[in-house]
């Protein structure tokens, strides 16, 4: 496809920034909000698991429909998903005293927030396929920067006010999402050279899995890798308390973890864009295991911060490399499914972490739970490496 000289990197950066701010609220501060309302770690885990599971069905389902139906696009579906997300936040705001409404509202808030990324990835893939310039690494790096900002800011706001500020923060971020999406969609529409008549329809999910068995092995391994990652991130308040910290420290630690990703993502295209994406993924998988072991061994805030530095060669490289890896190994007509499935595997891992790790945190020590997660991560690394194209 001929390149268009129009760049949508700035517009897509806002799309990524608003999504990751929202995900920070929905997942990283779920523990603060729900535990603050009196839920147990097990109940928190079930809500996170259910939200991720529903999101894991919505995202690939929408992506499969987009691949198979020419008249259904990510741009047309996005407003409905964002609207549903706003409704769930309204439930949290107007029914704060109802455990049932809060549980249902937060579960579906997580689900709709997660599914937005499948559509965001399709917007990027289509723009790149249509000849438009979008530097995914830079845009994703801005997503991490926004994550740092919202994590640090929200931690202080909660300490200064109360946990009730969390759904209101979600409303504010949602407005940014709407504006960002509209700007990107308008730019992509006006700058596209793509001929819709040339579009091919993709396979069903079942047929796609049969045709891409090795890719599915890679995906299976990432479920285990991100089980370990989410055992830390989704229960970060527990991890922070275990080393003597509190909500302020959790917000700073969460922000620091995202901050170390930024240099890698912003410079990924420049320094790694021409390298073999498969080799980069294999390196990242190994770094995930090293990071998991370092986190389990950390006994203080400085040691934990040092362990979180490994977020750069693990999560940051994986996140920046998986998108071009899929672009290079999967046909465009199946791109929405493939990109969505890669993200959805991290979602399934949250389901596992929510159910299994929640119970582990309630029944054994935090340190023991983190070592179990590190062992699972090592198994996932072996499986993922075996499924990566060489």
Protein backbone atom coordinates (compact mmCIF):
# COMPACT_ATOMS: atom_id res chain seq x y z
CA UNK A 1 0.00 0.00 0.00
CA UNK A 2 1.37 3.43 -0.99
CA UNK A 3 2.23 5.65 1.95
CA UNK A 4 0.23 8.80 2.53
CA UNK A 5 2.20 11.77 3.84
CA UNK A 6 -0.49 12.48 6.41
CA UNK A 7 0.52 11.48 9.94
CA UNK A 8 -2.06 10.52 12.54
CA UNK A 9 0.47 9.71 15.26
CA UNK A 10 -0.58 12.66 17.44
CA UNK A 11 -4.29 11.86 17.12
CA UNK A 12 -3.66 8.17 17.84
CA UNK A 13 -1.49 9.12 20.82
CA UNK A 14 -4.54 10.74 22.40
CA UNK A 15 -6.57 7.61 21.63
CA UNK A 16 -3.97 5.48 23.42
CA UNK A 17 -3.52 7.95 26.28
CA UNK A 18 -7.24 8.10 27.08
CA UNK A 19 -7.60 4.31 26.91
CA UNK A 20 -4.71 3.61 29.28
CA UNK A 21 -5.86 6.26 31.72
CA UNK A 22 -9.23 4.53 31.78
CA UNK A 23 -7.69 1.09 32.21
CA UNK A 24 -5.62 2.40 35.12
CA UNK A 25 -8.83 3.50 36.83
CA UNK A 26 -10.78 0.34 35.98
CA UNK A 27 -8.12 -2.19 36.99
CA UNK A 28 -5.33 -0.65 39.04
CA UNK A 29 -7.73 1.25 41.30
CA UNK A 30 -10.40 -1.44 41.41
CA UNK A 31 -8.76 -2.83 44.54
CA UNK A 32 -8.68 0.57 46.24
CA UNK A 33 -12.34 1.24 45.41
CA UNK A 34 -13.84 -2.16 46.15
CA UNK A 35 -11.73 -3.01 49.20
CA UNK A 36 -12.50 0.49 50.46
CA UNK A 37 -16.21 -0.36 50.26
CA UNK A 38 -15.64 -3.45 52.38
CA UNK A 39 -15.19 -6.22 49.82
CA UNK A 40 -12.75 -9.06 50.49
CA UNK A 41 -9.83 -9.92 48.21
CA UNK A 42 -11.81 -12.93 46.99
CA UNK A 43 -14.82 -10.77 46.09
CA UNK A 44 -12.52 -8.24 44.45
CA UNK A 45 -10.91 -11.03 42.46
CA UNK A 46 -14.26 -12.35 41.26
CA UNK A 47 -15.36 -8.89 40.09
CA UNK A 48 -12.09 -8.35 38.22
CA UNK A 49 -12.30 -11.86 36.76
CA UNK A 50 -15.92 -11.45 35.63
CA UNK A 51 -15.20 -8.04 34.11
CA UNK A 52 -12.21 -9.35 32.22
CA UNK A 53 -14.07 -12.47 31.10
CA UNK A 54 -16.98 -10.46 29.70
CA UNK A 55 -14.51 -8.05 28.07
CA UNK A 56 -12.68 -11.04 26.60
CA UNK A 57 -15.90 -12.11 24.91
CA UNK A 58 -16.94 -8.64 23.75
CA UNK A 59 -13.58 -7.65 22.22
CA UNK A 60 -12.87 -10.67 19.97
CA UNK A 61 -16.58 -10.99 19.18
CA UNK A 62 -16.73 -7.46 17.86
CA UNK A 63 -13.39 -7.90 16.06
CA UNK A 64 -14.55 -11.11 14.36
CA UNK A 65 -17.71 -9.35 13.21
CA UNK A 66 -15.65 -6.43 11.87
CA UNK A 67 -13.39 -8.83 9.93
CA UNK A 68 -16.33 -10.71 8.42
CA UNK A 69 -18.76 -7.86 7.62
CA UNK A 70 -17.72 -5.03 5.33
CA UNK A 71 -20.41 -2.65 6.64
CA UNK A 72 -19.32 -3.04 10.29
CA UNK A 73 -16.25 -1.00 11.24
CA UNK A 74 -14.43 -0.14 14.43
CA UNK A 75 -15.37 3.52 13.94
CA UNK A 76 -19.08 2.66 13.81
CA UNK A 77 -18.99 0.33 16.83
CA UNK A 78 -16.88 2.51 19.14
CA UNK A 79 -19.59 5.06 20.15
CA UNK A 80 -21.85 2.29 21.44
CA UNK A 81 -19.09 0.75 23.57
CA UNK A 82 -18.12 4.12 25.04
CA UNK A 83 -21.78 4.90 25.79
CA UNK A 84 -22.19 1.60 27.67
CA UNK A 85 -19.08 2.42 29.69
CA UNK A 86 -20.59 5.77 30.75
CA UNK A 87 -23.77 4.04 31.90
CA UNK A 88 -21.79 1.75 34.21
CA UNK A 89 -19.94 4.67 35.77
CA UNK A 90 -23.28 6.40 36.37
CA UNK A 91 -24.42 3.28 38.24
CA UNK A 92 -21.36 3.51 40.51
CA UNK A 93 -21.97 7.20 41.18
CA UNK A 94 -25.71 7.04 41.87
CA UNK A 95 -25.85 3.71 43.77
CA UNK A 96 -22.74 3.83 45.98
CA UNK A 97 -24.44 2.08 48.90
CA UNK A 98 -25.69 -0.96 46.99
CA UNK A 99 -23.27 -3.90 46.95
CA UNK A 100 -25.17 -5.58 44.12
CA UNK A 101 -25.29 -2.47 41.91
CA UNK A 102 -21.66 -1.67 42.69
CA UNK A 103 -20.52 -5.20 41.85
CA UNK A 104 -22.49 -5.31 38.59
CA UNK A 105 -21.54 -1.75 37.67
CA UNK A 106 -17.82 -2.20 38.26
CA UNK A 107 -17.79 -5.59 36.53
CA UNK A 108 -19.31 -4.15 33.36
CA UNK A 109 -17.22 -0.99 33.61
CA UNK A 110 -14.12 -3.19 33.43
CA UNK A 111 -15.61 -5.20 30.56
CA UNK A 112 -16.46 -2.25 28.34
CA UNK A 113 -13.22 -0.44 29.18
CA UNK A 114 -11.18 -3.49 28.17
CA UNK A 115 -13.06 -4.04 24.91
CA UNK A 116 -12.24 -0.51 23.70
CA UNK A 117 -8.65 -1.60 23.04
CA UNK A 118 -9.71 -4.18 20.44
CA UNK A 119 -11.35 -1.38 18.49
CA UNK A 120 -8.36 0.93 19.03
CA UNK A 121 -6.03 -1.69 17.58
CA UNK A 122 -8.29 -2.16 14.55
CA UNK A 123 -8.30 1.61 13.98
CA UNK A 124 -4.48 1.53 13.92
CA UNK A 125 -4.19 -1.53 11.67
CA UNK A 126 -6.65 -0.10 9.14
CA UNK A 127 -4.95 3.31 9.12
CA UNK A 128 -1.54 1.70 8.51
CA UNK A 129 -2.98 -0.59 5.83
CA UNK A 130 -4.59 2.40 4.15
CA UNK A 131 -1.23 4.12 3.74
CA UNK A 132 -1.48 6.55 6.65
CA UNK A 133 1.46 7.23 8.96
CA UNK A 134 0.92 6.12 12.56
CA UNK A 135 3.93 5.44 14.81
CA UNK A 136 2.40 2.86 17.13
CA UNK A 137 5.39 2.81 19.48
CA UNK A 138 5.24 6.56 20.10
CA UNK A 139 1.47 6.51 20.51
CA UNK A 140 1.64 3.60 22.94
CA UNK A 141 4.40 5.38 24.83
CA UNK A 142 2.09 8.34 25.31
CA UNK A 143 -0.43 5.87 26.67
CA UNK A 144 2.07 4.85 29.34
CA UNK A 145 2.85 8.49 30.12
CA UNK A 146 -0.85 9.19 30.60
CA UNK A 147 -1.05 6.09 32.82
CA UNK A 148 1.73 7.52 35.00
CA UNK A 149 -0.04 10.86 35.30
CA UNK A 150 -3.48 9.48 36.19
CA UNK A 151 -2.04 6.88 38.59
CA UNK A 152 -0.01 9.43 40.55
CA UNK A 153 -2.74 12.07 40.50
CA UNK A 154 -5.53 9.72 41.49
CA UNK A 155 -3.51 8.30 44.37
CA UNK A 156 -3.15 11.77 45.87
CA UNK A 157 -6.77 12.71 45.13
CA UNK A 158 -8.09 9.64 46.93
CA UNK A 159 -5.92 10.38 49.97
CA UNK A 160 -7.11 14.02 50.00
CA UNK A 161 -10.81 13.21 49.43
CA UNK A 162 -12.18 9.66 49.31
CA UNK A 163 -12.54 6.65 47.07
CA UNK A 164 -15.75 8.24 45.68
CA UNK A 165 -13.55 10.27 43.33
CA UNK A 166 -12.70 7.13 41.31
CA UNK A 167 -15.89 6.86 39.15
CA UNK A 168 -15.85 10.64 38.60
CA UNK A 169 -12.30 10.30 37.29
CA UNK A 170 -13.65 7.65 34.92
CA UNK A 171 -16.25 10.12 33.63
CA UNK A 172 -13.59 12.77 32.97
CA UNK A 173 -11.36 10.30 31.14
CA UNK A 174 -14.34 9.07 29.10
CA UNK A 175 -14.90 12.56 27.74
CA UNK A 176 -11.27 12.63 26.60
CA UNK A 177 -11.81 9.23 24.93
CA UNK A 178 -14.76 10.50 22.92
CA UNK A 179 -12.93 13.60 21.70
CA UNK A 180 -9.78 11.62 20.84
CA UNK A 181 -11.66 8.94 18.95
CA UNK A 182 -13.63 11.52 16.96
CA UNK A 183 -10.44 13.38 15.97
CA UNK A 184 -8.66 10.21 14.87
CA UNK A 185 -11.66 8.83 12.97
CA UNK A 186 -12.10 12.12 11.13
CA UNK A 187 -8.42 12.25 10.19
CA UNK A 188 -8.32 8.62 9.07
CA UNK A 189 -11.42 9.07 6.94
CA UNK A 190 -10.12 12.17 5.17
CA UNK A 191 -6.61 10.83 4.60
CA UNK A 192 -7.26 7.24 3.54
CA UNK A 193 -6.26 5.95 0.11
CA UNK A 194 -7.84 2.58 0.73
CA UNK A 195 -10.24 1.12 -1.83
CA UNK A 196 -13.06 -0.51 0.13
CA UNK A 197 -13.89 -2.66 -2.88
CA UNK A 198 -10.59 -4.51 -2.50
CA UNK A 199 -11.34 -5.59 1.07
CA UNK A 200 -11.32 -9.30 1.81
CA UNK A 201 -13.38 -10.86 4.55
CA UNK A 202 -11.63 -12.85 7.26
CA UNK A 203 -12.16 -16.29 8.73
CA UNK A 204 -14.35 -17.22 11.68
CA UNK A 205 -12.58 -17.54 15.03
CA UNK A 206 -12.67 -21.36 14.84
CA UNK A 207 -11.20 -21.49 11.34
CA UNK A 208 -8.61 -18.85 12.24
CA UNK A 209 -7.46 -20.99 15.18
CA UNK A 210 -7.10 -24.07 12.96
CA UNK A 211 -5.06 -22.15 10.39
CA UNK A 212 -2.79 -20.46 12.93
CA UNK A 213 -1.96 -23.18 15.47
CA UNK A 214 1.51 -21.89 16.29
CA UNK A 215 0.17 -18.40 16.96
CA UNK A 216 -2.37 -19.96 19.31
CA UNK A 217 0.47 -21.66 21.22
CA UNK A 218 2.08 -18.24 21.68
CA UNK A 219 -1.24 -16.89 22.94
CA UNK A 220 -1.63 -19.75 25.42
CA UNK A 221 1.78 -18.98 26.89
CA UNK A 222 0.99 -15.29 27.27
CA UNK A 223 -2.03 -16.21 29.41
CA UNK A 224 0.35 -17.69 31.99
CA UNK A 225 2.88 -14.86 31.67
CA UNK A 226 0.24 -12.22 32.23
CA UNK A 227 -1.30 -14.23 35.06
CA UNK A 228 1.88 -13.38 36.94
CA UNK A 229 1.82 -9.78 35.73
CA UNK A 230 -1.80 -9.29 36.80
CA UNK A 231 -1.28 -11.03 40.13
CA UNK A 232 0.92 -8.04 40.90
CA UNK A 233 -0.87 -5.22 39.07
CA UNK A 234 -4.48 -6.08 39.96
CA UNK A 235 -3.63 -6.53 43.64
CA UNK A 236 -0.91 -3.90 43.88
CA UNK A 237 -2.32 -2.50 47.10
CA UNK A 238 -1.68 -5.89 48.75
CA UNK A 239 1.86 -6.01 47.35
CA UNK A 240 2.53 -2.45 48.53
CA UNK A 241 1.10 -3.06 52.01
CA UNK A 242 3.31 -6.15 52.29
CA UNK A 243 6.43 -3.98 52.08
CA UNK A 244 5.14 -1.26 54.39
CA UNK A 245 3.49 1.12 51.91
CA UNK A 246 -0.03 2.52 51.50
CA UNK A 247 -2.29 4.09 48.85
CA UNK A 248 0.09 6.98 48.13
CA UNK A 249 2.99 4.58 47.66
CA UNK A 250 0.83 2.31 45.51
CA UNK A 251 -0.03 5.19 43.20
CA UNK A 252 3.62 6.22 42.92
CA UNK A 253 4.78 2.64 42.39
CA UNK A 254 2.10 2.08 39.77
CA UNK A 255 3.11 5.29 38.03
CA UNK A 256 6.80 4.40 38.19
CA UNK A 257 6.12 1.02 36.63
CA UNK A 258 4.45 2.72 33.69
CA UNK A 259 7.12 5.45 33.52
CA UNK A 260 9.93 3.00 32.80
CA UNK A 261 7.99 1.74 29.78
CA UNK A 262 7.89 5.15 28.12
CA UNK A 263 11.47 5.47 26.76
CA UNK A 264 11.27 2.01 25.19
CA UNK A 265 7.92 2.64 23.53
CA UNK A 266 8.75 6.15 22.32
CA UNK A 267 11.98 4.99 20.67
CA UNK A 268 10.87 1.50 19.64
CA UNK A 269 10.30 2.27 15.96
CA UNK A 270 13.58 4.16 15.67
CA UNK A 271 15.83 1.61 17.38
CA UNK A 272 13.94 -1.67 17.02
CA UNK A 273 11.57 -1.10 14.09
CA UNK A 274 13.75 -3.02 11.62
CA UNK A 275 14.64 -5.85 13.99
CA UNK A 276 12.97 -9.24 13.95
CA UNK A 277 9.81 -8.84 16.03
CA UNK A 278 9.86 -12.56 16.92
CA UNK A 279 13.31 -12.30 18.51
CA UNK A 280 12.21 -9.22 20.45
CA UNK A 281 9.19 -11.11 21.78
CA UNK A 282 11.30 -14.05 22.92
CA UNK A 283 13.61 -11.68 24.80
CA UNK A 284 10.63 -9.94 26.40
CA UNK A 285 9.16 -13.26 27.57
CA UNK A 286 12.42 -14.11 29.36
CA UNK A 287 12.44 -10.69 31.02
CA UNK A 288 8.89 -11.24 32.30
CA UNK A 289 10.11 -14.24 34.29
CA UNK A 290 13.11 -12.35 35.66
CA UNK A 291 10.82 -9.47 36.68
CA UNK A 292 8.35 -11.81 38.42
CA UNK A 293 11.16 -13.39 40.47
CA UNK A 294 12.59 -9.97 41.39
CA UNK A 295 9.18 -8.73 42.59
CA UNK A 296 8.68 -11.84 44.71
CA UNK A 297 12.09 -11.38 46.28
CA UNK A 298 11.67 -7.64 47.00
CA UNK A 299 11.26 -6.76 50.67
CA UNK A 300 11.22 -2.96 50.60
CA UNK A 301 10.01 -0.06 48.48
CA UNK A 302 13.47 0.59 46.93
CA UNK A 303 13.85 -3.10 46.09
CA UNK A 304 10.35 -3.20 44.59
CA UNK A 305 11.06 -0.11 42.52
CA UNK A 306 14.26 -1.75 41.27
CA UNK A 307 12.30 -4.86 40.30
CA UNK A 308 9.76 -2.71 38.44
CA UNK A 309 12.57 -1.33 36.26
CA UNK A 310 12.36 -4.69 34.49
CA UNK A 311 8.98 -3.55 33.17
CA UNK A 312 10.97 -1.86 30.37
CA UNK A 313 12.57 -4.94 28.78
CA UNK A 314 9.53 -7.13 29.48
CA UNK A 315 6.12 -5.49 29.18
CA UNK A 316 7.26 -2.47 27.14
CA UNK A 317 9.06 -4.48 24.47
CA UNK A 318 6.27 -7.07 24.32
CA UNK A 319 3.59 -4.40 23.92
CA UNK A 320 5.47 -2.55 21.18
CA UNK A 321 6.60 -5.72 19.34
CA UNK A 322 3.41 -7.81 19.37
CA UNK A 323 1.54 -5.43 17.05
CA UNK A 324 4.11 -5.46 14.19
CA UNK A 325 4.70 -9.18 14.81
CA UNK A 326 1.03 -9.86 14.09
CA UNK A 327 1.08 -7.47 11.12
CA UNK A 328 3.95 -9.48 9.63
CA UNK A 329 2.60 -12.98 10.33
CA UNK A 330 -1.19 -12.70 10.01
CA UNK A 331 -3.12 -11.62 6.84
CA UNK A 332 -4.78 -8.18 7.07
CA UNK A 333 -8.27 -9.62 6.65
CA UNK A 334 -7.78 -11.46 9.95
CA UNK A 335 -5.93 -8.61 11.66
CA UNK A 336 -8.76 -7.45 13.91
CA UNK A 337 -9.16 -10.95 15.36
CA UNK A 338 -5.44 -11.52 15.79
CA UNK A 339 -4.74 -8.19 17.47
CA UNK A 340 -7.81 -8.55 19.65
CA UNK A 341 -6.88 -12.10 20.65
CA UNK A 342 -3.38 -11.02 21.67
CA UNK A 343 -4.86 -8.39 23.98
CA UNK A 344 -7.61 -10.76 25.09
CA UNK A 345 -5.07 -13.30 26.33
CA UNK A 346 -3.92 -10.69 28.84
CA UNK A 347 -7.60 -10.33 29.72
CA UNK A 348 -8.01 -14.06 30.31
CA UNK A 349 -4.96 -13.89 32.53
CA UNK A 350 -6.77 -11.29 34.62
CA UNK A 351 -9.63 -13.74 34.97
CA UNK A 352 -7.21 -16.36 36.29
CA UNK A 353 -5.46 -13.85 38.51
CA UNK A 354 -8.77 -12.54 39.81
CA UNK A 355 -10.09 -15.95 40.80
CA UNK A 356 -6.92 -17.81 41.77
CA UNK A 357 -4.72 -15.02 43.10
CA UNK A 358 -7.56 -13.41 45.06
CA UNK A 359 -8.00 -16.64 47.00
CA UNK A 360 -4.24 -17.05 47.40
CA UNK A 361 -3.88 -13.57 48.87
CA UNK A 362 -6.67 -14.35 51.34
CA UNK A 363 -5.26 -17.71 52.40
CA UNK A 364 -1.47 -17.57 52.17
CA UNK A 365 1.12 -14.82 52.45
CA UNK A 366 1.66 -12.17 49.78
CA UNK A 367 5.25 -13.32 49.30
CA UNK A 368 4.21 -16.95 48.74
CA UNK A 369 1.57 -15.83 46.24
CA UNK A 370 4.15 -13.82 44.29
CA UNK A 371 6.55 -16.79 44.11
CA UNK A 372 3.78 -19.01 42.78
CA UNK A 373 3.08 -16.37 40.14
CA UNK A 374 6.77 -16.30 39.19
CA UNK A 375 6.81 -20.08 38.65
CA UNK A 376 3.69 -19.87 36.46
CA UNK A 377 5.35 -17.06 34.49
CA UNK A 378 8.39 -19.27 33.80
CA UNK A 379 6.12 -21.98 32.38
CA UNK A 380 4.36 -19.42 30.21
CA UNK A 381 7.67 -18.13 28.90
CA UNK A 382 8.67 -21.61 27.71
CA UNK A 383 5.34 -22.09 25.95
CA UNK A 384 5.31 -18.63 24.34
CA UNK A 385 8.85 -18.95 23.03
CA UNK A 386 7.96 -22.28 21.42
CA UNK A 387 5.02 -20.64 19.63
CA UNK A 388 6.96 -17.68 18.23
CA UNK A 389 7.81 -17.73 14.51
CA UNK A 390 11.55 -17.93 13.88
